[in-house]
Amino acid sequence: MSVLKSVIPKTGKIVSRLGFGSYRVNQEKHAQALVAAIESGINIIDTAHNFEQGASERWIGNTLEKIISDGRISREDVAIVTKSGYLTSSDTSLFSPSDYVQLNEKSYHSISPKVIEKQIETSLQRLKTNKIDIFMINAPERMLMAKNK
């Protein structure tokens, strides 16, 4: 079976129409699944700053670093998608309370440029890359609804 591909307009980047989601991935068997997905033609890797408290991004970064250094793929062969917006209680100590809203006992959200910039910097480090191919703000409506309580 061949994985269907599309071209991202204005960039020319060819991406699979099927992606690898990483919401709860952080184990060796998940690394094997990611490698198998890439080898089968899936090149979109979806993660987020808050997935597994950052472990998902670290795990993806380590896995990609290994298969890139082994010469199995190049960084340009994959498209990394990551998101920011959610914060944990430990993240809130890095910012002013005016930069985020509390959604519940353990969850916070922000669309503040300061928070987004910091989360992007952290994501780049965890992913061991110098660029994010696709960036999204995770559930911005959560912040807006919380502000209008």
C-alpha atoms as a PDB file:
ATOM      1  CA  MET A   1       0.000   0.000   0.000  1.00  0.00           C
ATOM      2  CA  SER A   2       1.315   3.401  -0.943  1.00  0.00           C
ATOM      3  CA  VAL A   3       0.760   6.381   1.352  1.00  0.00           C
ATOM      4  CA  LEU A   4      -0.930   9.260  -0.471  1.00  0.00           C
ATOM      5  CA  LYS A   5       1.026  12.526  -0.551  1.00  0.00           C
ATOM      6  CA  SER A   6       0.144  16.202  -0.913  1.00  0.00           C
ATOM      7  CA  VAL A   7       2.166  19.357  -1.434  1.00  0.00           C
ATOM      8  CA  ILE A   8       1.992  22.167   1.113  1.00  0.00           C
ATOM      9  CA  PRO A   9       1.212  25.314  -0.894  1.00  0.00           C
ATOM     10  CA  LYS A  10       3.890  28.020  -1.074  1.00  0.00           C
ATOM     11  CA  THR A  11       6.504  25.703   0.436  1.00  0.00           C
ATOM     12  CA  GLY A  12       6.572  22.857  -2.044  1.00  0.00           C
ATOM     13  CA  LYS A  13       7.071  20.423   0.852  1.00  0.00           C
ATOM     14  CA  ILE A  14       5.675  16.992   0.051  1.00  0.00           C
ATOM     15  CA  VAL A  15       3.846  15.451   2.995  1.00  0.00           C
ATOM     16  CA  SER A  16       1.893  12.287   3.602  1.00  0.00           C
ATOM     17  CA  ARG A  17      -1.854  12.571   4.012  1.00  0.00           C
ATOM     18  CA  LEU A  18      -1.512  10.352   7.045  1.00  0.00           C
ATOM     19  CA  GLY A  19       0.443  11.419  10.103  1.00  0.00           C
ATOM     20  CA  PHE A  20       1.964   9.897  13.215  1.00  0.00           C
ATOM     21  CA  GLY A  21       0.321  11.258  16.383  1.00  0.00           C
ATOM     22  CA  SER A  22       2.322  11.259  19.603  1.00  0.00           C
ATOM     23  CA  TYR A  23      -0.047  12.243  22.390  1.00  0.00           C
ATOM     24  CA  ARG A  24       0.933   9.362  24.687  1.00  0.00           C
ATOM     25  CA  VAL A  25       4.218   8.124  23.282  1.00  0.00           C
ATOM     26  CA  ASN A  26       7.424   7.864  25.286  1.00  0.00           C
ATOM     27  CA  GLN A  27       8.666   4.262  25.173  1.00  0.00           C
ATOM     28  CA  GLU A  28      11.034   2.218  22.994  1.00  0.00           C
ATOM     29  CA  LYS A  29       8.152   0.378  21.309  1.00  0.00           C
ATOM     30  CA  HIS A  30       6.803   3.776  20.276  1.00  0.00           C
ATOM     31  CA  ALA A  31      10.179   4.613  18.695  1.00  0.00           C
ATOM     32  CA  GLN A  32       9.921   1.423  16.675  1.00  0.00           C
ATOM     33  CA  ALA A  33       6.406   2.413  15.585  1.00  0.00           C
ATOM     34  CA  LEU A  34       7.620   5.869  14.498  1.00  0.00           C
ATOM     35  CA  VAL A  35      10.495   4.389  12.499  1.00  0.00           C
ATOM     36  CA  ALA A  36       8.114   1.882  10.867  1.00  0.00           C
ATOM     37  CA  ALA A  37       5.698   4.708  10.007  1.00  0.00           C
ATOM     38  CA  ILE A  38       8.484   6.771   8.418  1.00  0.00           C
ATOM     39  CA  GLU A  39       9.799   3.760   6.510  1.00  0.00           C
ATOM     40  CA  SER A  40       6.271   3.146   5.166  1.00  0.00           C
ATOM     41  CA  GLY A  41       6.057   6.695   3.795  1.00  0.00           C
ATOM     42  CA  ILE A  42       4.366   8.569   6.638  1.00  0.00           C
ATOM     43  CA  ASN A  43       6.334  11.758   7.172  1.00  0.00           C
ATOM     44  CA  ILE A  44       4.044  14.004   9.249  1.00  0.00           C
ATOM     45  CA  ILE A  45       4.891  13.775  12.956  1.00  0.00           C
ATOM     46  CA  ASP A  46       2.399  15.489  15.251  1.00  0.00           C
ATOM     47  CA  THR A  47       3.285  16.443  18.809  1.00  0.00           C
ATOM     48  CA  ALA A  48       2.798  19.296  21.274  1.00  0.00           C
ATOM     49  CA  HIS A  49       4.730  21.097  23.988  1.00  0.00           C
ATOM     50  CA  ASN A  50       2.505  19.579  26.681  1.00  0.00           C
ATOM     51  CA  PHE A  51       2.265  15.966  25.438  1.00  0.00           C
ATOM     52  CA  GLU A  52       3.532  13.751  28.258  1.00  0.00           C
ATOM     53  CA  GLN A  53       4.897  16.900  29.963  1.00  0.00           C
ATOM     54  CA  GLY A  54       7.401  17.299  27.134  1.00  0.00           C
ATOM     55  CA  ALA A  55       8.512  13.658  27.023  1.00  0.00           C
ATOM     56  CA  SER A  56       6.819  13.149  23.652  1.00  0.00           C
ATOM     57  CA  GLU A  57       8.907  15.876  22.004  1.00  0.00           C
ATOM     58  CA  ARG A  58      12.116  14.599  23.646  1.00  0.00           C
ATOM     59  CA  TRP A  59      11.352  11.071  22.520  1.00  0.00           C
ATOM     60  CA  ILE A  60      10.657  12.204  18.931  1.00  0.00           C
ATOM     61  CA  GLY A  61      13.842  14.299  18.937  1.00  0.00           C
ATOM     62  CA  ASN A  62      15.942  11.359  20.139  1.00  0.00           C
ATOM     63  CA  THR A  63      14.363   8.958  17.644  1.00  0.00           C
ATOM     64  CA  LEU A  64      14.794  11.309  14.681  1.00  0.00           C
ATOM     65  CA  GLU A  65      18.349  12.176  15.719  1.00  0.00           C
ATOM     66  CA  LYS A  66      19.243   8.478  15.679  1.00  0.00           C
ATOM     67  CA  ILE A  67      17.742   7.630  12.292  1.00  0.00           C
ATOM     68  CA  ILE A  68      19.101  10.832  10.738  1.00  0.00           C
ATOM     69  CA  SER A  69      22.617  10.156  12.080  1.00  0.00           C
ATOM     70  CA  ASP A  70      22.328   6.553  10.807  1.00  0.00           C
ATOM     71  CA  GLY A  71      21.670   8.015   7.341  1.00  0.00           C
ATOM     72  CA  ARG A  72      18.256   6.381   7.062  1.00  0.00           C
ATOM     73  CA  ILE A  73      16.496   9.718   6.463  1.00  0.00           C
ATOM     74  CA  SER A  74      17.333  13.405   6.311  1.00  0.00           C
ATOM     75  CA  ARG A  75      15.624  16.070   8.388  1.00  0.00           C
ATOM     76  CA  GLU A  76      13.969  17.346   5.199  1.00  0.00           C
ATOM     77  CA  ASP A  77      12.235  13.977   4.759  1.00  0.00           C
ATOM     78  CA  VAL A  78       9.881  14.636   7.688  1.00  0.00           C
ATOM     79  CA  ALA A  79       7.477  17.404   8.625  1.00  0.00           C
ATOM     80  CA  ILE A  80       7.291  18.111  12.348  1.00  0.00           C
ATOM     81  CA  VAL A  81       4.043  19.590  13.615  1.00  0.00           C
ATOM     82  CA  THR A  82       3.966  20.916  17.157  1.00  0.00           C
ATOM     83  CA  LYS A  83       1.640  23.039  19.205  1.00  0.00           C
ATOM     84  CA  SER A  84       1.745  25.294  22.227  1.00  0.00           C
ATOM     85  CA  GLY A  85      -0.782  26.898  24.507  1.00  0.00           C
ATOM     86  CA  TYR A  86      -1.281  24.506  27.402  1.00  0.00           C
ATOM     87  CA  LEU A  87       0.779  24.934  30.560  1.00  0.00           C
ATOM     88  CA  THR A  88       1.284  22.788  33.638  1.00  0.00           C
ATOM     89  CA  SER A  89       1.359  24.274  37.128  1.00  0.00           C
ATOM     90  CA  SER A  90       5.180  24.143  37.063  1.00  0.00           C
ATOM     91  CA  ASP A  91       5.192  26.105  33.771  1.00  0.00           C
ATOM     92  CA  THR A  92       3.243  28.946  35.355  1.00  0.00           C
ATOM     93  CA  SER A  93       6.194  29.922  37.555  1.00  0.00           C
ATOM     94  CA  LEU A  94       7.981  31.114  34.402  1.00  0.00           C
ATOM     95  CA  PHE A  95       5.319  33.694  33.548  1.00  0.00           C
ATOM     96  CA  SER A  96       3.200  36.455  34.992  1.00  0.00           C
ATOM     97  CA  PRO A  97      -0.360  35.429  35.986  1.00  0.00           C
ATOM     98  CA  SER A  98      -1.611  37.915  33.385  1.00  0.00           C
ATOM     99  CA  ASP A  99      -0.004  35.737  30.674  1.00  0.00           C
ATOM    100  CA  TYR A 100      -2.282  32.716  31.207  1.00  0.00           C
ATOM    101  CA  VAL A 101      -5.634  31.550  32.547  1.00  0.00           C
ATOM    102  CA  GLN A 102      -6.359  28.626  34.833  1.00  0.00           C
ATOM    103  CA  LEU A 103      -8.738  26.140  33.213  1.00  0.00           C
ATOM    104  CA  ASN A 104      -9.007  23.707  36.130  1.00  0.00           C
ATOM    105  CA  GLU A 105      -6.934  22.519  39.110  1.00  0.00           C
ATOM    106  CA  LYS A 106      -4.021  21.270  36.982  1.00  0.00           C
ATOM    107  CA  SER A 107      -4.411  22.925  33.597  1.00  0.00           C
ATOM    108  CA  TYR A 108      -3.584  26.386  32.316  1.00  0.00           C
ATOM    109  CA  HIS A 109      -3.688  27.948  28.871  1.00  0.00           C
ATOM    110  CA  SER A 110      -2.063  30.893  27.153  1.00  0.00           C
ATOM    111  CA  ILE A 111      -1.903  32.653  23.820  1.00  0.00           C
ATOM    112  CA  SER A 112       0.537  35.238  25.155  1.00  0.00           C
ATOM    113  CA  PRO A 113       3.447  35.871  22.763  1.00  0.00           C
ATOM    114  CA  LYS A 114       5.884  35.434  25.699  1.00  0.00           C
ATOM    115  CA  VAL A 115       4.503  31.994  26.497  1.00  0.00           C
ATOM    116  CA  ILE A 116       4.338  30.881  22.871  1.00  0.00           C
ATOM    117  CA  GLU A 117       7.909  32.053  22.187  1.00  0.00           C
ATOM    118  CA  LYS A 118       9.239  30.201  25.249  1.00  0.00           C
ATOM    119  CA  GLN A 119       7.326  27.037  24.361  1.00  0.00           C
ATOM    120  CA  ILE A 120       8.638  27.136  20.778  1.00  0.00           C
ATOM    121  CA  GLU A 121      12.223  27.545  22.054  1.00  0.00           C
ATOM    122  CA  THR A 122      11.734  24.593  24.408  1.00  0.00           C
ATOM    123  CA  SER A 123      10.136  22.484  21.660  1.00  0.00           C
ATOM    124  CA  LEU A 124      13.069  23.137  19.315  1.00  0.00           C
ATOM    125  CA  GLN A 125      15.499  21.973  22.009  1.00  0.00           C
ATOM    126  CA  ARG A 126      13.484  18.856  22.840  1.00  0.00           C
ATOM    127  CA  LEU A 127      12.984  17.962  19.181  1.00  0.00           C
ATOM    128  CA  LYS A 128      16.713  18.514  18.501  1.00  0.00           C
ATOM    129  CA  THR A 129      15.977  20.588  15.423  1.00  0.00           C
ATOM    130  CA  ASN A 130      16.389  24.162  14.272  1.00  0.00           C
ATOM    131  CA  LYS A 131      12.923  24.468  12.763  1.00  0.00           C
ATOM    132  CA  ILE A 132       9.325  23.443  13.185  1.00  0.00           C
ATOM    133  CA  ASP A 133       7.640  22.746   9.862  1.00  0.00           C
ATOM    134  CA  ILE A 134       4.085  23.419  11.029  1.00  0.00           C
ATOM    135  CA  PHE A 135       3.172  25.259  14.232  1.00  0.00           C
ATOM    136  CA  MET A 136      -0.285  25.573  15.749  1.00  0.00           C
ATOM    137  CA  ILE A 137      -1.752  27.158  18.843  1.00  0.00           C
ATOM    138  CA  ASN A 138      -3.450  24.350  20.744  1.00  0.00           C
ATOM    139  CA  ALA A 139      -7.141  25.037  21.475  1.00  0.00           C
ATOM    140  CA  PRO A 140      -7.045  28.866  21.617  1.00  0.00           C
ATOM    141  CA  GLU A 141     -10.776  28.895  22.308  1.00  0.00           C
ATOM    142  CA  ARG A 142     -10.034  27.457  25.782  1.00  0.00           C
ATOM    143  CA  MET A 143      -8.162  30.646  26.699  1.00  0.00           C
ATOM    144  CA  LEU A 144     -10.808  32.892  25.218  1.00  0.00           C
ATOM    145  CA  MET A 145     -13.658  31.089  27.004  1.00  0.00           C
ATOM    146  CA  ALA A 146     -11.777  31.210  30.311  1.00  0.00           C
ATOM    147  CA  LYS A 147     -11.113  34.950  29.945  1.00  0.00           C
ATOM    148  CA  ASN A 148     -14.838  35.553  29.451  1.00  0.00           C
ATOM    149  CA  LYS A 149     -15.982  33.686  32.591  1.00  0.00           C
END
